Amino acid sequence: MIIRIVILLFCAHLSCSAAPDFTRFAFTLEVKEGSETYQSGTGCIVKSGSAFYYVTAHHIFPDVTDAQMAEMVKRISIVSELNGQIRFSPGAFIPVPNAKDLTKTDLLVFKMKPNLRLAACSVSLASISPLRDEVVFLSSSIPSHPAATYPLKVLAASDDLVEYEKIPGVDKYTGASGGPVFNVSGQLVGTYLGRFMKKSNQSDIRCLFGTPLASLVTILVPGK
């Protein structure tokens, strides 16, 4: 309990100073359609045991079936400014049960062949979910802003959904879906999914929400 209080105080201090920069771990997902290439979302490479996975949000392809996604793999690549382009191997797509549930399991997962390059740009899963009022960090490439790491305050957290405060000065989040959310140690605690409006004291407040750590653990950690 004392340790968690110290962490929360440290995170509160970070929110008032420069945020850690985890941008190097954010990979844009790109799809090639004919001669055109477009950005569909953001994600990260997660190391779990000896396996590596690319994780993003499933809703970036709302009308694509699992069979179609398995076929699309050859046209999908992930890109970061620091690590360049990485392509997936055939059979990389891993179907996730109830993946079209826009809260708990809105996850799109690709398994990747292990190599030294992936080891250098992957992240690990956190062992503890963030608490209310804790400050976490979203790394994403939002078209209206350069690739960056944004501090977010946790407004509410459960095993089904995590709510975050809106990023100050950012109104457009296109392309941010699936962006990794880290704790202060750079461990993955969830993924960004979208924004919504909620009532508070008779006024509308725009918040962000994301997939919780529990869902990631269930899918990426064998035996969980």
Protein backbone atom coordinates (compact mmCIF):
# COMPACT_ATOMS: atom_id res chain seq x y z
CA MET A 1 0.00 0.00 0.00
CA ILE A 2 2.84 2.38 0.88
CA ILE A 3 4.56 1.56 -2.41
CA ARG A 4 1.40 2.37 -4.40
CA ILE A 5 1.03 5.72 -2.61
CA VAL A 6 4.63 6.61 -3.46
CA ILE A 7 4.00 5.69 -7.12
CA LEU A 8 0.87 7.85 -7.26
CA LEU A 9 2.73 10.82 -5.76
CA PHE A 10 5.57 10.35 -8.22
CA CYS A 11 3.11 10.19 -11.14
CA ALA A 12 1.39 13.35 -9.90
CA HIS A 13 4.76 15.07 -9.94
CA LEU A 14 5.36 13.89 -13.50
CA SER A 15 2.06 15.34 -14.64
CA CYS A 16 3.34 18.76 -13.62
CA SER A 17 6.72 18.30 -15.32
CA ALA A 18 7.99 16.76 -18.55
CA ALA A 19 6.26 13.47 -19.40
CA PRO A 20 8.37 10.39 -20.15
CA ASP A 21 8.82 9.84 -23.88
CA PHE A 22 7.60 6.39 -24.94
CA THR A 23 6.92 7.44 -28.54
CA ARG A 24 9.55 5.02 -29.86
CA PHE A 25 7.26 2.13 -28.90
CA ALA A 26 4.27 3.38 -30.93
CA PHE A 27 3.90 1.86 -34.40
CA THR A 28 1.46 3.20 -36.99
CA LEU A 29 -0.50 0.48 -38.79
CA GLU A 30 -0.62 1.08 -42.55
CA VAL A 31 -2.64 -0.67 -45.25
CA LYS A 32 -1.72 -0.69 -48.94
CA GLU A 33 -4.66 -0.40 -51.35
CA GLY A 34 -3.42 -0.40 -54.94
CA SER A 35 -0.98 2.49 -55.26
CA GLU A 36 -2.25 4.17 -52.08
CA THR A 37 -1.19 3.59 -48.48
CA TYR A 38 -3.28 4.84 -45.58
CA GLN A 39 -2.93 4.92 -41.79
CA SER A 40 -5.51 2.90 -39.91
CA GLY A 41 -4.42 3.18 -36.30
CA THR A 42 -1.60 2.99 -33.79
CA GLY A 43 -0.33 0.08 -31.75
CA CYS A 44 2.74 -1.44 -30.13
CA ILE A 45 4.77 -4.64 -30.06
CA VAL A 46 4.30 -6.62 -26.85
CA LYS A 47 6.68 -9.30 -25.59
CA SER A 48 4.94 -12.01 -23.60
CA GLY A 49 7.12 -14.94 -22.59
CA SER A 50 9.18 -15.73 -25.69
CA ALA A 51 6.47 -14.51 -28.11
CA PHE A 52 5.98 -11.10 -29.73
CA TYR A 53 2.61 -9.58 -30.69
CA TYR A 54 1.49 -6.40 -32.40
CA VAL A 55 -1.60 -5.08 -30.62
CA THR A 56 -3.99 -2.36 -31.78
CA ALA A 57 -7.76 -1.65 -31.78
CA HIS A 58 -10.08 -3.94 -33.72
CA HIS A 59 -12.56 -1.18 -34.61
CA ILE A 60 -10.13 0.35 -37.10
CA PHE A 61 -11.50 -2.35 -39.45
CA PRO A 62 -15.19 -2.36 -38.41
CA ASP A 63 -16.56 -4.32 -41.38
CA VAL A 64 -13.70 -6.76 -41.94
CA THR A 65 -14.29 -10.42 -41.04
CA ASP A 66 -11.63 -12.68 -39.52
CA ALA A 67 -11.22 -14.48 -42.86
CA GLN A 68 -10.75 -11.16 -44.67
CA MET A 69 -8.28 -9.97 -42.05
CA ALA A 70 -6.18 -13.11 -42.48
CA GLU A 71 -6.02 -12.31 -46.20
CA MET A 72 -5.23 -8.61 -45.61
CA VAL A 73 -2.07 -9.41 -43.64
CA LYS A 74 0.06 -9.29 -46.79
CA ARG A 75 -1.02 -5.67 -47.36
CA ILE A 76 -0.46 -4.51 -43.78
CA SER A 77 2.74 -3.15 -42.29
CA ILE A 78 3.65 -1.24 -39.14
CA VAL A 79 5.90 1.80 -39.16
CA SER A 80 7.67 4.02 -36.65
CA GLU A 81 10.04 6.93 -37.21
CA LEU A 82 12.75 5.25 -35.16
CA ASN A 83 12.35 1.61 -36.20
CA GLY A 84 11.21 1.91 -39.81
CA GLN A 85 8.81 -0.54 -41.47
CA ILE A 86 8.01 -4.07 -40.32
CA ARG A 87 5.82 -6.49 -42.30
CA PHE A 88 3.84 -9.44 -41.00
CA SER A 89 4.30 -13.06 -42.07
CA PRO A 90 1.39 -15.08 -43.50
CA GLY A 91 -0.74 -16.48 -40.69
CA ALA A 92 0.18 -13.66 -38.31
CA PHE A 93 -3.42 -12.64 -37.57
CA ILE A 94 -4.83 -14.09 -34.33
CA PRO A 95 -8.64 -13.97 -33.99
CA VAL A 96 -9.75 -12.54 -30.64
CA PRO A 97 -13.10 -13.71 -29.17
CA ASN A 98 -15.70 -10.91 -29.09
CA ALA A 99 -13.19 -8.55 -30.72
CA LYS A 100 -15.99 -6.27 -31.92
CA ASP A 101 -17.02 -5.49 -28.34
CA LEU A 102 -16.09 -1.81 -28.23
CA THR A 103 -15.09 -1.93 -24.58
CA LYS A 104 -13.48 -4.94 -23.00
CA THR A 105 -12.11 -6.86 -25.99
CA ASP A 106 -11.73 -4.33 -28.83
CA LEU A 107 -8.34 -5.76 -29.75
CA LEU A 108 -6.64 -6.69 -33.01
CA VAL A 109 -3.62 -8.97 -32.55
CA PHE A 110 -0.89 -10.19 -34.88
CA LYS A 111 1.78 -12.68 -33.80
CA MET A 112 5.29 -11.84 -35.02
CA LYS A 113 8.40 -13.91 -35.67
CA PRO A 114 10.93 -13.26 -32.87
CA ASN A 115 14.14 -11.44 -33.80
CA LEU A 116 16.60 -8.99 -32.25
CA ARG A 117 14.90 -6.02 -33.92
CA LEU A 118 11.59 -6.79 -32.21
CA ALA A 119 13.30 -7.30 -28.86
CA ALA A 120 14.68 -3.77 -29.04
CA CYS A 121 11.34 -2.07 -29.74
CA SER A 122 8.90 -4.20 -27.73
CA VAL A 123 7.25 -3.55 -24.37
CA SER A 124 6.12 -5.79 -21.51
CA LEU A 125 2.75 -5.99 -19.81
CA ALA A 126 2.40 -4.34 -16.41
CA SER A 127 1.58 -6.55 -13.45
CA ILE A 128 -0.78 -4.03 -11.82
CA SER A 129 -3.64 -2.05 -13.39
CA PRO A 130 -3.62 1.74 -12.97
CA LEU A 131 -5.67 3.23 -10.15
CA ARG A 132 -8.09 6.13 -10.24
CA ASP A 133 -6.24 9.50 -10.31
CA GLU A 134 -3.02 7.80 -11.42
CA VAL A 135 -1.21 9.43 -14.35
CA VAL A 136 -0.46 7.18 -17.32
CA PHE A 137 0.99 7.93 -20.75
CA LEU A 138 -0.51 7.53 -24.23
CA SER A 139 1.94 7.26 -27.12
CA SER A 140 0.39 7.81 -30.49
CA SER A 141 0.67 9.45 -33.88
CA ILE A 142 -2.29 11.82 -34.11
CA PRO A 143 -2.49 13.55 -37.54
CA SER A 144 -3.16 16.97 -36.04
CA HIS A 145 -0.08 16.65 -33.79
CA PRO A 146 3.40 15.13 -34.17
CA ALA A 147 4.08 11.69 -32.72
CA ALA A 148 4.30 12.21 -28.99
CA THR A 149 3.63 10.86 -25.51
CA TYR A 150 0.66 12.43 -23.70
CA PRO A 151 0.07 12.21 -19.92
CA LEU A 152 -3.46 11.09 -19.04
CA LYS A 153 -5.19 11.05 -15.68
CA VAL A 154 -7.23 7.91 -14.94
CA LEU A 155 -10.82 8.92 -14.13
CA ALA A 156 -12.23 5.41 -13.57
CA ALA A 157 -10.92 1.87 -13.99
CA SER A 158 -12.46 -1.60 -14.04
CA ASP A 159 -11.85 -4.96 -15.72
CA ASP A 160 -14.16 -3.86 -18.54
CA LEU A 161 -13.12 -0.29 -19.31
CA VAL A 162 -10.75 2.50 -18.32
CA GLU A 163 -11.69 6.19 -18.56
CA TYR A 164 -9.10 8.92 -19.03
CA GLU A 165 -9.24 12.70 -19.01
CA LYS A 166 -9.14 14.45 -22.37
CA ILE A 167 -5.70 15.51 -23.65
CA PRO A 168 -5.42 19.31 -23.27
CA GLY A 169 -5.25 21.07 -26.63
CA VAL A 170 -6.04 17.95 -28.68
CA ASP A 171 -9.44 17.77 -30.37
CA LYS A 172 -8.80 15.32 -33.21
CA TYR A 173 -7.82 11.74 -32.40
CA THR A 174 -8.06 10.16 -35.86
CA GLY A 175 -5.35 7.51 -36.18
CA ALA A 176 -4.81 7.25 -32.41
CA SER A 177 -7.02 4.16 -31.97
CA GLY A 178 -5.02 1.29 -30.50
CA GLY A 179 -2.30 3.58 -29.17
CA PRO A 180 -0.40 2.05 -26.24
CA VAL A 181 -0.97 3.40 -22.72
CA PHE A 182 1.99 3.01 -20.36
CA ASN A 183 2.66 3.35 -16.66
CA VAL A 184 5.57 5.49 -15.51
CA SER A 185 7.94 2.52 -15.91
CA GLY A 186 7.08 2.10 -19.59
CA GLN A 187 5.00 -1.06 -19.09
CA LEU A 188 1.78 -1.48 -21.06
CA VAL A 189 -1.38 -0.97 -18.97
CA GLY A 190 -3.93 -0.73 -21.80
CA THR A 191 -4.73 0.61 -25.25
CA TYR A 192 -6.58 3.75 -26.33
CA LEU A 193 -9.94 3.14 -28.00
CA GLY A 194 -11.82 6.40 -28.44
CA ARG A 195 -13.64 9.29 -26.82
CA PHE A 196 -17.15 9.77 -25.49
CA MET A 197 -19.35 12.33 -23.79
CA LYS A 198 -20.49 11.96 -20.17
CA LYS A 199 -22.71 14.01 -17.91
CA SER A 200 -21.20 15.72 -14.89
CA ASN A 201 -23.01 18.38 -12.88
CA GLN A 202 -25.51 18.88 -15.72
CA SER A 203 -22.77 19.52 -18.30
CA ASP A 204 -21.18 17.38 -20.99
CA ILE A 205 -17.58 16.34 -20.48
CA ARG A 206 -15.55 14.73 -23.23
CA CYS A 207 -13.46 11.82 -21.95
CA LEU A 208 -11.26 9.15 -23.44
CA PHE A 209 -11.59 5.42 -22.87
CA GLY A 210 -9.47 2.34 -23.43
CA THR A 211 -9.06 -1.41 -23.12
CA PRO A 212 -8.01 -2.51 -19.61
CA LEU A 213 -4.88 -4.45 -18.71
CA ALA A 214 -6.99 -7.50 -17.74
CA SER A 215 -8.09 -8.01 -21.36
CA LEU A 216 -4.53 -7.85 -22.65
CA VAL A 217 -3.36 -10.36 -20.05
CA THR A 218 -6.19 -12.78 -20.93
CA ILE A 219 -5.25 -12.75 -24.62
CA LEU A 220 -1.46 -12.48 -24.52
CA VAL A 221 -0.44 -14.48 -21.44
CA PRO A 222 -0.83 -18.28 -21.81
CA GLY A 223 -2.93 -19.91 -19.11
CA LYS A 224 -4.64 -16.69 -17.99
